[in-house]
Amino acid sequence: MSRIEKYNPHKQSSASRRIQAAKGNYSGRGALIRELTFDDIKRDAIGFGLATDVLHQLNAGKEASIYLATWREHPIILKAYRMHQSCHRISKKHGYSSAASAKRTHNVLAMMEDLAVKEFDLLMKCFRAGMHVPTPVGRVGQYLTMRFIGDVTAPAPQIRNVELQEPSRALDQILDDYLVMYRDVNYVHGDLSEYNILWWEDRPWIIDVPQAEPVDKHCDMMRIEAVLRRDLQNLLGFFENYHVYRDLEQILNVFLSAYIPDNQKHYRELRVRGEIV
């Protein structure tokens, strides 16, 4: 349907090419890269083959703006990671570690591209694992497209704006999907709440995964447990409005019993003994 740019952090990317174009003949370290306008984004999306039209902006999150676009009259979502308006202020002051190396850089465009790559790849893994997430379609540079969840051009509502008829079943569906994400995809969402769950076709759809953290042999399992606990607390707290009550510790233990990296099986004991910090 549309283009998916292969990502190699060691080679020049769309972000790098844009920086070079902005510099022109200037050989210094810096170059003024302005925030993209709607017309810029529309031109890029069509030019990159991600969409045949971009209609209007739907909303803006912490680091990206969401647009309603079309591919041959079929509605899709276009997500454009912003540069200077990003909440990742560390990129402007201290830099950030790119996917290419442990060295820090102030290349904000490259950081935006890294975020788009991460979200596209994680959405694809979640989709292939059987989760109900927007199906990723394409990605070029800091842009990615995904399935439009909604009716024609009206996006599906957040679950907080819906009167659930069977809230207990809805909670079970969300927990089942989140368990797939944790156990099979090996990620914690990191920002799961009623704001990042859509309700469509009588079921919940989990969205907004760029802040997710991997659960692997290099992770801090104490932090992973804390993030998982916070996500579950947010979720259970929302459903208490429907007088649906679940045991947080029991659910947390179901997740942790389902998967912990082999080298971190005893992370709690090691922390108590002071062998990890």
C-alpha atoms as a PDB file:
ATOM      1  CA  MET A   1       0.000   0.000   0.000  1.00  0.00           C
ATOM      2  CA  SER A   2       2.622   2.561   0.968  1.00  0.00           C
ATOM      3  CA  ARG A   3       6.281   2.968   1.551  1.00  0.00           C
ATOM      4  CA  ILE A   4       8.216   1.634   4.531  1.00  0.00           C
ATOM      5  CA  GLU A   5      11.664   3.118   4.783  1.00  0.00           C
ATOM      6  CA  LYS A   6      14.291   0.626   5.906  1.00  0.00           C
ATOM      7  CA  TYR A   7      16.026   1.923   8.981  1.00  0.00           C
ATOM      8  CA  ASN A   8      19.777   1.694   9.407  1.00  0.00           C
ATOM      9  CA  PRO A   9      21.031   4.105  12.085  1.00  0.00           C
ATOM     10  CA  HIS A  10      24.565   3.935  10.653  1.00  0.00           C
ATOM     11  CA  LYS A  11      23.486   5.294   7.264  1.00  0.00           C
ATOM     12  CA  GLN A  12      22.075   8.616   6.184  1.00  0.00           C
ATOM     13  CA  SER A  13      18.359   8.882   6.868  1.00  0.00           C
ATOM     14  CA  SER A  14      15.561  11.177   5.792  1.00  0.00           C
ATOM     15  CA  ALA A  15      16.345  13.274   8.864  1.00  0.00           C
ATOM     16  CA  SER A  16      20.000  13.601   7.896  1.00  0.00           C
ATOM     17  CA  ARG A  17      19.106  14.556   4.345  1.00  0.00           C
ATOM     18  CA  ARG A  18      16.776  17.259   5.616  1.00  0.00           C
ATOM     19  CA  ILE A  19      19.550  18.688   7.804  1.00  0.00           C
ATOM     20  CA  GLN A  20      21.939  18.759   4.870  1.00  0.00           C
ATOM     21  CA  ALA A  21      19.331  20.496   2.725  1.00  0.00           C
ATOM     22  CA  ALA A  22      18.791  23.112   5.429  1.00  0.00           C
ATOM     23  CA  LYS A  23      22.529  23.745   5.758  1.00  0.00           C
ATOM     24  CA  GLY A  24      23.118  24.220   2.049  1.00  0.00           C
ATOM     25  CA  ASN A  25      26.715  25.362   1.679  1.00  0.00           C
ATOM     26  CA  TYR A  26      27.036  26.146   5.385  1.00  0.00           C
ATOM     27  CA  SER A  27      29.747  23.993   6.938  1.00  0.00           C
ATOM     28  CA  GLY A  28      29.195  24.785  10.621  1.00  0.00           C
ATOM     29  CA  ARG A  29      27.797  22.401  13.217  1.00  0.00           C
ATOM     30  CA  GLY A  30      24.386  24.015  13.507  1.00  0.00           C
ATOM     31  CA  ALA A  31      21.543  24.776  11.152  1.00  0.00           C
ATOM     32  CA  LEU A  32      18.124  26.287  11.706  1.00  0.00           C
ATOM     33  CA  ILE A  33      15.516  23.550  11.250  1.00  0.00           C
ATOM     34  CA  ARG A  34      12.039  25.052  11.576  1.00  0.00           C
ATOM     35  CA  GLU A  35       8.988  23.182  12.824  1.00  0.00           C
ATOM     36  CA  LEU A  36       6.970  21.677   9.998  1.00  0.00           C
ATOM     37  CA  THR A  37       3.710  23.331   8.982  1.00  0.00           C
ATOM     38  CA  PHE A  38       0.574  21.468   7.932  1.00  0.00           C
ATOM     39  CA  ASP A  39       1.418  22.133   4.281  1.00  0.00           C
ATOM     40  CA  ASP A  40       4.939  20.723   4.820  1.00  0.00           C
ATOM     41  CA  ILE A  41       3.546  17.582   6.422  1.00  0.00           C
ATOM     42  CA  LYS A  42       0.948  17.102   3.694  1.00  0.00           C
ATOM     43  CA  ARG A  43       3.560  17.546   0.974  1.00  0.00           C
ATOM     44  CA  ASP A  44       5.962  15.119   2.676  1.00  0.00           C
ATOM     45  CA  ALA A  45       3.314  12.460   3.333  1.00  0.00           C
ATOM     46  CA  ILE A  46       2.123  12.496  -0.270  1.00  0.00           C
ATOM     47  CA  GLY A  47       5.643  12.759  -1.667  1.00  0.00           C
ATOM     48  CA  PHE A  48       6.880   9.849   0.452  1.00  0.00           C
ATOM     49  CA  GLY A  49       3.960   7.686  -0.682  1.00  0.00           C
ATOM     50  CA  LEU A  50       2.501   7.423   2.817  1.00  0.00           C
ATOM     51  CA  ALA A  51      -0.850   8.970   1.887  1.00  0.00           C
ATOM     52  CA  THR A  52      -2.732  10.277  -1.121  1.00  0.00           C
ATOM     53  CA  ASP A  53      -4.151  13.178   0.914  1.00  0.00           C
ATOM     54  CA  VAL A  54      -3.930  14.681   4.391  1.00  0.00           C
ATOM     55  CA  LEU A  55      -7.246  16.169   5.504  1.00  0.00           C
ATOM     56  CA  HIS A  56      -6.779  17.804   8.895  1.00  0.00           C
ATOM     57  CA  GLN A  57      -5.189  17.500  12.324  1.00  0.00           C
ATOM     58  CA  LEU A  58      -7.059  15.392  14.857  1.00  0.00           C
ATOM     59  CA  ASN A  59      -5.016  16.115  17.969  1.00  0.00           C
ATOM     60  CA  ALA A  60      -1.525  16.668  19.319  1.00  0.00           C
ATOM     61  CA  GLY A  61       0.214  14.551  21.930  1.00  0.00           C
ATOM     62  CA  LYS A  62       3.380  15.101  23.936  1.00  0.00           C
ATOM     63  CA  GLU A  63       5.768  14.681  21.030  1.00  0.00           C
ATOM     64  CA  ALA A  64       3.688  14.051  17.927  1.00  0.00           C
ATOM     65  CA  SER A  65       0.694  15.380  16.027  1.00  0.00           C
ATOM     66  CA  ILE A  66      -2.038  13.118  14.658  1.00  0.00           C
ATOM     67  CA  TYR A  67      -3.663  13.758  11.282  1.00  0.00           C
ATOM     68  CA  LEU A  68      -6.557  12.223   9.403  1.00  0.00           C
ATOM     69  CA  ALA A  69      -5.219  11.179   6.023  1.00  0.00           C
ATOM     70  CA  THR A  70      -6.402   8.997   3.190  1.00  0.00           C
ATOM     71  CA  TRP A  71      -4.969   6.338   0.978  1.00  0.00           C
ATOM     72  CA  ARG A  72      -7.056   6.186  -2.195  1.00  0.00           C
ATOM     73  CA  GLU A  73     -10.101   7.465  -0.277  1.00  0.00           C
ATOM     74  CA  HIS A  74      -9.633   5.014   2.619  1.00  0.00           C
ATOM     75  CA  PRO A  75      -9.071   6.835   5.947  1.00  0.00           C
ATOM     76  CA  ILE A  76      -5.763   6.243   7.719  1.00  0.00           C
ATOM     77  CA  ILE A  77      -3.896   7.917  10.566  1.00  0.00           C
ATOM     78  CA  LEU A  78      -0.731   9.897   9.891  1.00  0.00           C
ATOM     79  CA  LYS A  79       1.472  10.514  12.909  1.00  0.00           C
ATOM     80  CA  ALA A  80       4.162  13.175  12.600  1.00  0.00           C
ATOM     81  CA  TYR A  81       6.754  13.463  15.337  1.00  0.00           C
ATOM     82  CA  ARG A  82       7.475  17.088  16.103  1.00  0.00           C
ATOM     83  CA  MET A  83      10.940  18.559  16.552  1.00  0.00           C
ATOM     84  CA  HIS A  84      11.176  21.703  18.620  1.00  0.00           C
ATOM     85  CA  GLN A  85       7.812  21.195  20.327  1.00  0.00           C
ATOM     86  CA  SER A  86       8.769  17.764  21.607  1.00  0.00           C
ATOM     87  CA  CYS A  87       8.567  17.124  25.347  1.00  0.00           C
ATOM     88  CA  HIS A  88      12.025  15.527  25.109  1.00  0.00           C
ATOM     89  CA  ARG A  89      13.860  18.663  26.233  1.00  0.00           C
ATOM     90  CA  ILE A  90      16.949  16.630  27.039  1.00  0.00           C
ATOM     91  CA  SER A  91      17.607  16.435  23.307  1.00  0.00           C
ATOM     92  CA  LYS A  92      18.128  20.200  23.154  1.00  0.00           C
ATOM     93  CA  LYS A  93      20.221  20.669  26.269  1.00  0.00           C
ATOM     94  CA  HIS A  94      22.122  17.445  26.875  1.00  0.00           C
ATOM     95  CA  GLY A  95      21.501  15.476  23.709  1.00  0.00           C
ATOM     96  CA  TYR A  96      20.299  11.881  23.584  1.00  0.00           C
ATOM     97  CA  SER A  97      21.727   8.457  22.809  1.00  0.00           C
ATOM     98  CA  SER A  98      20.794   7.415  19.292  1.00  0.00           C
ATOM     99  CA  ALA A  99      20.152   3.884  18.108  1.00  0.00           C
ATOM    100  CA  ALA A 100      23.490   3.931  16.301  1.00  0.00           C
ATOM    101  CA  SER A 101      25.788   4.228  19.315  1.00  0.00           C
ATOM    102  CA  ALA A 102      26.091   5.098  22.978  1.00  0.00           C
ATOM    103  CA  LYS A 103      27.333   8.570  22.069  1.00  0.00           C
ATOM    104  CA  ARG A 104      25.030  11.483  22.738  1.00  0.00           C
ATOM    105  CA  THR A 105      23.900  13.776  19.969  1.00  0.00           C
ATOM    106  CA  HIS A 106      21.909  16.977  19.584  1.00  0.00           C
ATOM    107  CA  ASN A 107      20.390  15.846  16.288  1.00  0.00           C
ATOM    108  CA  VAL A 108      16.732  16.388  17.190  1.00  0.00           C
ATOM    109  CA  LEU A 109      15.545  15.197  13.780  1.00  0.00           C
ATOM    110  CA  ALA A 110      17.341  11.904  14.274  1.00  0.00           C
ATOM    111  CA  MET A 111      15.711  11.524  17.673  1.00  0.00           C
ATOM    112  CA  MET A 112      12.262  12.074  16.142  1.00  0.00           C
ATOM    113  CA  GLU A 113      13.050   9.446  13.516  1.00  0.00           C
ATOM    114  CA  ASP A 114      14.180   7.001  16.214  1.00  0.00           C
ATOM    115  CA  LEU A 115      10.857   7.478  18.018  1.00  0.00           C
ATOM    116  CA  ALA A 116       8.890   6.836  14.819  1.00  0.00           C
ATOM    117  CA  VAL A 117      10.951   3.711  14.106  1.00  0.00           C
ATOM    118  CA  LYS A 118      10.381   2.424  17.635  1.00  0.00           C
ATOM    119  CA  GLU A 119       6.630   2.976  17.491  1.00  0.00           C
ATOM    120  CA  PHE A 120       6.266   1.401  14.046  1.00  0.00           C
ATOM    121  CA  ASP A 121       8.286  -1.677  14.989  1.00  0.00           C
ATOM    122  CA  LEU A 122       6.518  -2.130  18.329  1.00  0.00           C
ATOM    123  CA  LEU A 123       3.061  -1.741  16.790  1.00  0.00           C
ATOM    124  CA  MET A 124       3.983  -4.371  14.218  1.00  0.00           C
ATOM    125  CA  LYS A 125       5.164  -6.787  16.930  1.00  0.00           C
ATOM    126  CA  CYS A 126       1.989  -6.198  18.966  1.00  0.00           C
ATOM    127  CA  PHE A 127      -0.216  -6.672  15.904  1.00  0.00           C
ATOM    128  CA  ARG A 128       1.541  -9.896  14.917  1.00  0.00           C
ATOM    129  CA  ALA A 129       1.222 -11.173  18.495  1.00  0.00           C
ATOM    130  CA  GLY A 130      -2.553 -10.783  18.289  1.00  0.00           C
ATOM    131  CA  MET A 131      -3.114  -7.556  20.213  1.00  0.00           C
ATOM    132  CA  HIS A 132      -5.860  -5.141  19.251  1.00  0.00           C
ATOM    133  CA  VAL A 133      -3.764  -2.149  18.211  1.00  0.00           C
ATOM    134  CA  PRO A 134      -3.870   0.100  15.134  1.00  0.00           C
ATOM    135  CA  THR A 135      -2.201  -1.880  12.355  1.00  0.00           C
ATOM    136  CA  PRO A 136       0.971  -0.076  11.235  1.00  0.00           C
ATOM    137  CA  VAL A 137       1.050   0.672   7.516  1.00  0.00           C
ATOM    138  CA  GLY A 138       4.135   2.671   6.559  1.00  0.00           C
ATOM    139  CA  ARG A 139       6.980   4.822   7.846  1.00  0.00           C
ATOM    140  CA  VAL A 140       9.393   7.310   6.362  1.00  0.00           C
ATOM    141  CA  GLY A 141      11.611   9.486   8.539  1.00  0.00           C
ATOM    142  CA  GLN A 142       9.622  10.901  11.453  1.00  0.00           C
ATOM    143  CA  TYR A 143       6.263   9.992   9.864  1.00  0.00           C
ATOM    144  CA  LEU A 144       4.280   6.808  10.259  1.00  0.00           C
ATOM    145  CA  THR A 145       0.825   5.724   9.144  1.00  0.00           C
ATOM    146  CA  MET A 146      -1.513   3.226  10.732  1.00  0.00           C
ATOM    147  CA  ARG A 147      -5.040   1.897  10.526  1.00  0.00           C
ATOM    148  CA  PHE A 148      -7.776   4.397  11.276  1.00  0.00           C
ATOM    149  CA  ILE A 149      -9.907   3.134  14.174  1.00  0.00           C
ATOM    150  CA  GLY A 150     -13.335   4.682  13.758  1.00  0.00           C
ATOM    151  CA  ASP A 151     -16.323   5.250  11.500  1.00  0.00           C
ATOM    152  CA  VAL A 152     -15.492   6.809   8.108  1.00  0.00           C
ATOM    153  CA  THR A 153     -13.864  10.053   9.302  1.00  0.00           C
ATOM    154  CA  ALA A 154     -15.030  10.045  12.950  1.00  0.00           C
ATOM    155  CA  PRO A 155     -12.308   8.519  15.167  1.00  0.00           C
ATOM    156  CA  ALA A 156     -13.256   5.980  17.804  1.00  0.00           C
ATOM    157  CA  PRO A 157     -13.763   7.554  21.248  1.00  0.00           C
ATOM    158  CA  GLN A 158     -11.443   7.090  24.168  1.00  0.00           C
ATOM    159  CA  ILE A 159     -12.833   4.559  26.607  1.00  0.00           C
ATOM    160  CA  ARG A 160     -13.299   7.322  29.187  1.00  0.00           C
ATOM    161  CA  ASN A 161     -15.936   8.901  26.917  1.00  0.00           C
ATOM    162  CA  VAL A 162     -18.001   5.731  26.532  1.00  0.00           C
ATOM    163  CA  GLU A 163     -20.698   4.309  28.783  1.00  0.00           C
ATOM    164  CA  LEU A 164     -19.597   0.668  28.976  1.00  0.00           C
ATOM    165  CA  GLN A 165     -22.415  -1.862  29.132  1.00  0.00           C
ATOM    166  CA  GLU A 166     -20.177  -4.728  30.287  1.00  0.00           C
ATOM    167  CA  PRO A 167     -17.252  -3.052  32.079  1.00  0.00           C
ATOM    168  CA  SER A 168     -15.963  -6.273  33.640  1.00  0.00           C
ATOM    169  CA  ARG A 169     -15.650  -7.882  30.201  1.00  0.00           C
ATOM    170  CA  ALA A 170     -13.945  -4.771  28.827  1.00  0.00           C
ATOM    171  CA  LEU A 171     -11.411  -4.854  31.657  1.00  0.00           C
ATOM    172  CA  ASP A 172     -10.704  -8.528  30.962  1.00  0.00           C
ATOM    173  CA  GLN A 173     -10.119  -7.741  27.275  1.00  0.00           C
ATOM    174  CA  ILE A 174      -7.648  -4.975  28.110  1.00  0.00           C
ATOM    175  CA  LEU A 175      -5.788  -7.144  30.612  1.00  0.00           C
ATOM    176  CA  ASP A 176      -5.618  -9.998  28.098  1.00  0.00           C
ATOM    177  CA  ASP A 177      -4.119  -7.703  25.464  1.00  0.00           C
ATOM    178  CA  TYR A 178      -1.683  -6.142  27.916  1.00  0.00           C
ATOM    179  CA  LEU A 179      -0.570  -9.598  29.050  1.00  0.00           C
ATOM    180  CA  VAL A 180       0.215 -10.425  25.413  1.00  0.00           C
ATOM    181  CA  MET A 181       2.272  -7.246  25.169  1.00  0.00           C
ATOM    182  CA  TYR A 182       4.205  -8.087  28.332  1.00  0.00           C
ATOM    183  CA  ARG A 183       4.555 -11.865  28.016  1.00  0.00           C
ATOM    184  CA  ASP A 184       4.922 -12.311  24.243  1.00  0.00           C
ATOM    185  CA  VAL A 185       6.178  -8.967  22.929  1.00  0.00           C
ATOM    186  CA  ASN A 186       8.215  -8.318  26.108  1.00  0.00           C
ATOM    187  CA  TYR A 187       7.315  -4.666  26.620  1.00  0.00           C
ATOM    188  CA  VAL A 188       5.503  -2.636  29.254  1.00  0.00           C
ATOM    189  CA  HIS A 189       3.259   0.107  27.904  1.00  0.00           C
ATOM    190  CA  GLY A 190       4.371   2.796  30.341  1.00  0.00           C
ATOM    191  CA  ASP A 191       1.345   5.083  29.941  1.00  0.00           C
ATOM    192  CA  LEU A 192      -1.688   2.805  29.943  1.00  0.00           C
ATOM    193  CA  SER A 193      -4.847   4.613  31.033  1.00  0.00           C
ATOM    194  CA  GLU A 194      -8.345   5.488  29.865  1.00  0.00           C
ATOM    195  CA  TYR A 195      -6.738   8.142  27.649  1.00  0.00           C
ATOM    196  CA  ASN A 196      -4.748   5.600  25.600  1.00  0.00           C
ATOM    197  CA  ILE A 197      -7.493   3.055  25.017  1.00  0.00           C
ATOM    198  CA  LEU A 198     -10.073   3.469  22.258  1.00  0.00           C
ATOM    199  CA  TRP A 199     -13.475   1.782  22.169  1.00  0.00           C
ATOM    200  CA  TRP A 200     -14.536   0.462  18.779  1.00  0.00           C
ATOM    201  CA  GLU A 201     -16.591  -2.477  17.512  1.00  0.00           C
ATOM    202  CA  ASP A 202     -17.574  -3.413  21.069  1.00  0.00           C
ATOM    203  CA  ARG A 203     -14.024  -3.839  22.310  1.00  0.00           C
ATOM    204  CA  PRO A 204     -10.994  -1.855  23.519  1.00  0.00           C
ATOM    205  CA  TRP A 205      -7.988  -0.954  21.360  1.00  0.00           C
ATOM    206  CA  ILE A 206      -4.672  -0.008  22.969  1.00  0.00           C
ATOM    207  CA  ILE A 207      -2.849   2.942  21.383  1.00  0.00           C
ATOM    208  CA  ASP A 208       0.111   5.275  21.932  1.00  0.00           C
ATOM    209  CA  VAL A 209       3.091   2.995  22.575  1.00  0.00           C
ATOM    210  CA  PRO A 210       6.226   5.122  21.921  1.00  0.00           C
ATOM    211  CA  GLN A 211       7.037   5.382  25.653  1.00  0.00           C
ATOM    212  CA  ALA A 212       6.968   1.582  26.093  1.00  0.00           C
ATOM    213  CA  GLU A 213      10.019  -0.055  27.663  1.00  0.00           C
ATOM    214  CA  PRO A 214      11.564  -3.421  26.722  1.00  0.00           C
ATOM    215  CA  VAL A 215      11.618  -6.257  29.224  1.00  0.00           C
ATOM    216  CA  ASP A 216      14.860  -8.052  28.421  1.00  0.00           C
ATOM    217  CA  LYS A 217      18.123  -9.198  29.954  1.00  0.00           C
ATOM    218  CA  HIS A 218      19.394  -5.610  30.079  1.00  0.00           C
ATOM    219  CA  CYS A 219      16.374  -4.029  31.762  1.00  0.00           C
ATOM    220  CA  ASP A 220      15.980  -2.966  35.382  1.00  0.00           C
ATOM    221  CA  MET A 221      13.287  -5.374  36.546  1.00  0.00           C
ATOM    222  CA  MET A 222      12.545  -3.309  39.632  1.00  0.00           C
ATOM    223  CA  ARG A 223      11.727  -0.389  37.364  1.00  0.00           C
ATOM    224  CA  ILE A 224       9.746  -2.638  35.010  1.00  0.00           C
ATOM    225  CA  GLU A 225       7.705  -3.891  37.952  1.00  0.00           C
ATOM    226  CA  ALA A 226       7.055  -0.313  39.082  1.00  0.00           C
ATOM    227  CA  VAL A 227       5.940   0.762  35.586  1.00  0.00           C
ATOM    228  CA  LEU A 228       3.724  -2.313  35.242  1.00  0.00           C
ATOM    229  CA  ARG A 229       2.200  -1.658  38.661  1.00  0.00           C
ATOM    230  CA  ARG A 230       1.475   1.970  37.724  1.00  0.00           C
ATOM    231  CA  ASP A 231      -0.185   0.946  34.442  1.00  0.00           C
ATOM    232  CA  LEU A 232      -2.369  -1.601  36.224  1.00  0.00           C
ATOM    233  CA  GLN A 233      -3.251   0.871  38.976  1.00  0.00           C
ATOM    234  CA  ASN A 234      -4.367   3.420  36.382  1.00  0.00           C
ATOM    235  CA  LEU A 235      -6.472   0.815  34.637  1.00  0.00           C
ATOM    236  CA  LEU A 236      -8.090  -0.627  37.758  1.00  0.00           C
ATOM    237  CA  GLY A 237      -8.684   2.850  39.156  1.00  0.00           C
ATOM    238  CA  PHE A 238     -10.696   3.783  36.084  1.00  0.00           C
ATOM    239  CA  PHE A 239     -12.868   0.656  36.260  1.00  0.00           C
ATOM    240  CA  GLU A 240     -13.605   1.256  39.921  1.00  0.00           C
ATOM    241  CA  ASN A 241     -15.889   4.015  38.621  1.00  0.00           C
ATOM    242  CA  TYR A 242     -18.035   1.139  37.348  1.00  0.00           C
ATOM    243  CA  HIS A 243     -17.773  -0.633  40.722  1.00  0.00           C
ATOM    244  CA  VAL A 244     -15.525  -3.256  39.174  1.00  0.00           C
ATOM    245  CA  TYR A 245     -12.830  -4.176  41.669  1.00  0.00           C
ATOM    246  CA  ARG A 246      -9.818  -6.432  41.114  1.00  0.00           C
ATOM    247  CA  ASP A 247      -6.801  -7.368  43.237  1.00  0.00           C
ATOM    248  CA  LEU A 248      -3.828  -5.388  41.921  1.00  0.00           C
ATOM    249  CA  GLU A 249      -1.200  -7.639  43.521  1.00  0.00           C
ATOM    250  CA  GLN A 250      -2.810 -10.781  42.155  1.00  0.00           C
ATOM    251  CA  ILE A 251      -2.890  -9.381  38.601  1.00  0.00           C
ATOM    252  CA  LEU A 252       0.678  -8.130  38.916  1.00  0.00           C
ATOM    253  CA  ASN A 253       1.811 -11.587  40.001  1.00  0.00           C
ATOM    254  CA  VAL A 254       0.025 -13.166  37.021  1.00  0.00           C
ATOM    255  CA  PHE A 255       2.081 -10.937  34.716  1.00  0.00           C
ATOM    256  CA  LEU A 256       5.371 -11.539  36.515  1.00  0.00           C
ATOM    257  CA  SER A 257       4.723 -15.287  36.703  1.00  0.00           C
ATOM    258  CA  ALA A 258       4.153 -15.342  32.951  1.00  0.00           C
ATOM    259  CA  TYR A 259       7.510 -13.806  32.048  1.00  0.00           C
ATOM    260  CA  ILE A 260      10.737 -12.590  33.593  1.00  0.00           C
ATOM    261  CA  PRO A 261      14.024 -12.667  31.626  1.00  0.00           C
ATOM    262  CA  ASP A 262      16.029 -15.750  32.594  1.00  0.00           C
ATOM    263  CA  ASN A 263      18.942 -13.762  33.995  1.00  0.00           C
ATOM    264  CA  GLN A 264      16.610 -11.707  36.202  1.00  0.00           C
ATOM    265  CA  LYS A 265      14.520 -14.421  37.814  1.00  0.00           C
ATOM    266  CA  HIS A 266      15.778 -13.467  41.278  1.00  0.00           C
ATOM    267  CA  TYR A 267      15.870  -9.693  40.863  1.00  0.00           C
ATOM    268  CA  ARG A 268      14.000  -9.035  44.098  1.00  0.00           C
ATOM    269  CA  GLU A 269      16.389 -11.117  46.174  1.00  0.00           C
ATOM    270  CA  LEU A 270      19.397  -9.508  44.511  1.00  0.00           C
ATOM    271  CA  ARG A 271      18.045  -6.048  45.297  1.00  0.00           C
ATOM    272  CA  VAL A 272      17.512  -6.970  48.963  1.00  0.00           C
ATOM    273  CA  ARG A 273      21.072  -8.295  49.184  1.00  0.00           C
ATOM    274  CA  GLY A 274      22.396  -5.127  47.553  1.00  0.00           C
ATOM    275  CA  GLU A 275      23.818  -6.913  44.514  1.00  0.00           C
ATOM    276  CA  ILE A 276      21.914  -4.661  42.102  1.00  0.00           C
ATOM    277  CA  VAL A 277      21.142  -0.975  42.448  1.00  0.00           C
END
